[in-house]
């Protein structure tokens, strides 16, 4: 844990939107953001996971690209459905 100033809090997790998760599929782009992501738990919603899989399916991705996507999404914690989340 690093020293924080008065009123500062350390960010331990980042919730990503679908587009954020897509952008991070590109290794060159992900490298640019790596210093922001180190030490953080990356979280996507269950719906983001569904959207990513549907997006790949609708573009007729083959087995190698689907395998890369499945490997990619394993980096994220997936926040499950809950009624309170849907009310936000």
C-alpha atoms as a PDB file:
ATOM      1  CA  UNK A   1       0.000   0.000   0.000  1.00  0.00           C
ATOM      2  CA  UNK A   2       1.343   3.415  -0.875  1.00  0.00           C
ATOM      3  CA  UNK A   3       1.233   6.527   1.261  1.00  0.00           C
ATOM      4  CA  UNK A   4      -1.811   8.611   0.488  1.00  0.00           C
ATOM      5  CA  UNK A   5      -2.440  12.228   1.254  1.00  0.00           C
ATOM      6  CA  UNK A   6      -5.290  13.459   3.418  1.00  0.00           C
ATOM      7  CA  UNK A   7      -8.640  12.640   1.870  1.00  0.00           C
ATOM      8  CA  UNK A   8      -7.126  10.334  -0.777  1.00  0.00           C
ATOM      9  CA  UNK A   9      -8.244   6.751  -1.234  1.00  0.00           C
ATOM     10  CA  UNK A  10      -6.506   4.020  -3.167  1.00  0.00           C
ATOM     11  CA  UNK A  11      -8.438   2.509  -6.067  1.00  0.00           C
ATOM     12  CA  UNK A  12      -8.308  -1.280  -5.776  1.00  0.00           C
ATOM     13  CA  UNK A  13     -10.743  -2.225  -8.538  1.00  0.00           C
ATOM     14  CA  UNK A  14     -11.857  -0.810 -11.860  1.00  0.00           C
ATOM     15  CA  UNK A  15     -15.262  -1.511 -13.390  1.00  0.00           C
ATOM     16  CA  UNK A  16     -14.993  -1.639 -17.163  1.00  0.00           C
ATOM     17  CA  UNK A  17     -17.667  -0.951 -19.724  1.00  0.00           C
ATOM     18  CA  UNK A  18     -17.951  -3.245 -22.745  1.00  0.00           C
ATOM     19  CA  UNK A  19     -16.013  -0.861 -24.979  1.00  0.00           C
ATOM     20  CA  UNK A  20     -13.166  -0.665 -22.446  1.00  0.00           C
ATOM     21  CA  UNK A  21     -12.856  -4.448 -22.451  1.00  0.00           C
ATOM     22  CA  UNK A  22     -12.839  -4.479 -26.280  1.00  0.00           C
ATOM     23  CA  UNK A  23     -10.104  -1.849 -26.477  1.00  0.00           C
ATOM     24  CA  UNK A  24      -7.931  -3.888 -24.115  1.00  0.00           C
ATOM     25  CA  UNK A  25      -8.096  -6.826 -26.548  1.00  0.00           C
ATOM     26  CA  UNK A  26      -5.515  -4.949 -28.621  1.00  0.00           C
ATOM     27  CA  UNK A  27      -2.156  -5.728 -26.980  1.00  0.00           C
ATOM     28  CA  UNK A  28      -0.585  -2.475 -28.230  1.00  0.00           C
ATOM     29  CA  UNK A  29      -3.373  -0.390 -26.701  1.00  0.00           C
ATOM     30  CA  UNK A  30      -3.418  -2.440 -23.497  1.00  0.00           C
ATOM     31  CA  UNK A  31       0.299  -1.715 -23.076  1.00  0.00           C
ATOM     32  CA  UNK A  32      -0.436   2.024 -23.113  1.00  0.00           C
ATOM     33  CA  UNK A  33      -2.834   1.633 -20.178  1.00  0.00           C
ATOM     34  CA  UNK A  34      -0.861  -1.001 -18.276  1.00  0.00           C
ATOM     35  CA  UNK A  35       0.475   1.424 -15.656  1.00  0.00           C
ATOM     36  CA  UNK A  36      -3.127   2.376 -14.757  1.00  0.00           C
ATOM     37  CA  UNK A  37      -4.197  -1.263 -14.448  1.00  0.00           C
ATOM     38  CA  UNK A  38      -1.355  -2.821 -12.441  1.00  0.00           C
ATOM     39  CA  UNK A  39      -2.489  -3.983  -9.021  1.00  0.00           C
ATOM     40  CA  UNK A  40      -6.163  -3.345  -9.759  1.00  0.00           C
ATOM     41  CA  UNK A  41      -8.900  -5.930  -9.960  1.00  0.00           C
ATOM     42  CA  UNK A  42     -10.628  -5.468 -13.310  1.00  0.00           C
ATOM     43  CA  UNK A  43     -14.370  -6.072 -13.138  1.00  0.00           C
ATOM     44  CA  UNK A  44     -16.959  -6.461 -15.905  1.00  0.00           C
ATOM     45  CA  UNK A  45     -20.663  -7.081 -15.528  1.00  0.00           C
ATOM     46  CA  UNK A  46     -22.268 -10.333 -16.609  1.00  0.00           C
ATOM     47  CA  UNK A  47     -23.926  -8.318 -19.396  1.00  0.00           C
ATOM     48  CA  UNK A  48     -20.568  -7.072 -20.678  1.00  0.00           C
ATOM     49  CA  UNK A  49     -19.409 -10.677 -20.894  1.00  0.00           C
ATOM     50  CA  UNK A  50     -22.564 -11.586 -22.834  1.00  0.00           C
ATOM     51  CA  UNK A  51     -22.095  -8.593 -25.168  1.00  0.00           C
ATOM     52  CA  UNK A  52     -18.472  -9.510 -25.882  1.00  0.00           C
ATOM     53  CA  UNK A  53     -19.365 -13.105 -26.708  1.00  0.00           C
ATOM     54  CA  UNK A  54     -22.338 -12.059 -28.862  1.00  0.00           C
ATOM     55  CA  UNK A  55     -20.214  -9.458 -30.655  1.00  0.00           C
ATOM     56  CA  UNK A  56     -17.635 -12.088 -31.604  1.00  0.00           C
ATOM     57  CA  UNK A  57     -20.335 -14.558 -32.645  1.00  0.00           C
ATOM     58  CA  UNK A  58     -22.088 -12.002 -34.861  1.00  0.00           C
ATOM     59  CA  UNK A  59     -18.769 -11.354 -36.619  1.00  0.00           C
ATOM     60  CA  UNK A  60     -18.234 -15.072 -37.227  1.00  0.00           C
ATOM     61  CA  UNK A  61     -14.987 -15.233 -35.320  1.00  0.00           C
ATOM     62  CA  UNK A  62     -13.142 -18.489 -35.816  1.00  0.00           C
ATOM     63  CA  UNK A  63     -11.740 -20.731 -33.106  1.00  0.00           C
ATOM     64  CA  UNK A  64      -8.375 -18.931 -32.712  1.00  0.00           C
ATOM     65  CA  UNK A  65      -9.968 -15.498 -32.206  1.00  0.00           C
ATOM     66  CA  UNK A  66     -12.661 -16.913 -29.891  1.00  0.00           C
ATOM     67  CA  UNK A  67      -9.937 -18.626 -27.859  1.00  0.00           C
ATOM     68  CA  UNK A  68      -8.111 -15.282 -27.558  1.00  0.00           C
ATOM     69  CA  UNK A  69     -11.332 -13.570 -26.429  1.00  0.00           C
ATOM     70  CA  UNK A  70     -12.040 -16.286 -23.865  1.00  0.00           C
ATOM     71  CA  UNK A  71      -8.487 -15.969 -22.541  1.00  0.00           C
ATOM     72  CA  UNK A  72      -8.923 -12.185 -22.414  1.00  0.00           C
ATOM     73  CA  UNK A  73     -12.156 -12.254 -20.391  1.00  0.00           C
ATOM     74  CA  UNK A  74     -10.579 -14.592 -17.825  1.00  0.00           C
ATOM     75  CA  UNK A  75      -8.530 -11.568 -16.711  1.00  0.00           C
ATOM     76  CA  UNK A  76     -11.695  -9.961 -15.359  1.00  0.00           C
ATOM     77  CA  UNK A  77     -13.849 -10.637 -12.350  1.00  0.00           C
ATOM     78  CA  UNK A  78     -17.438 -10.928 -13.577  1.00  0.00           C
ATOM     79  CA  UNK A  79     -20.006  -9.147 -11.427  1.00  0.00           C
ATOM     80  CA  UNK A  80     -23.137 -11.297 -11.338  1.00  0.00           C
ATOM     81  CA  UNK A  81     -26.717 -10.226 -11.787  1.00  0.00           C
ATOM     82  CA  UNK A  82     -28.490  -8.777  -8.807  1.00  0.00           C
ATOM     83  CA  UNK A  83     -31.687  -6.764  -8.591  1.00  0.00           C
ATOM     84  CA  UNK A  84     -30.002  -3.825  -6.837  1.00  0.00           C
ATOM     85  CA  UNK A  85     -27.478  -3.499  -9.645  1.00  0.00           C
ATOM     86  CA  UNK A  86     -30.262  -3.364 -12.218  1.00  0.00           C
ATOM     87  CA  UNK A  87     -32.023  -0.554 -10.326  1.00  0.00           C
ATOM     88  CA  UNK A  88     -29.021   1.759 -10.635  1.00  0.00           C
END
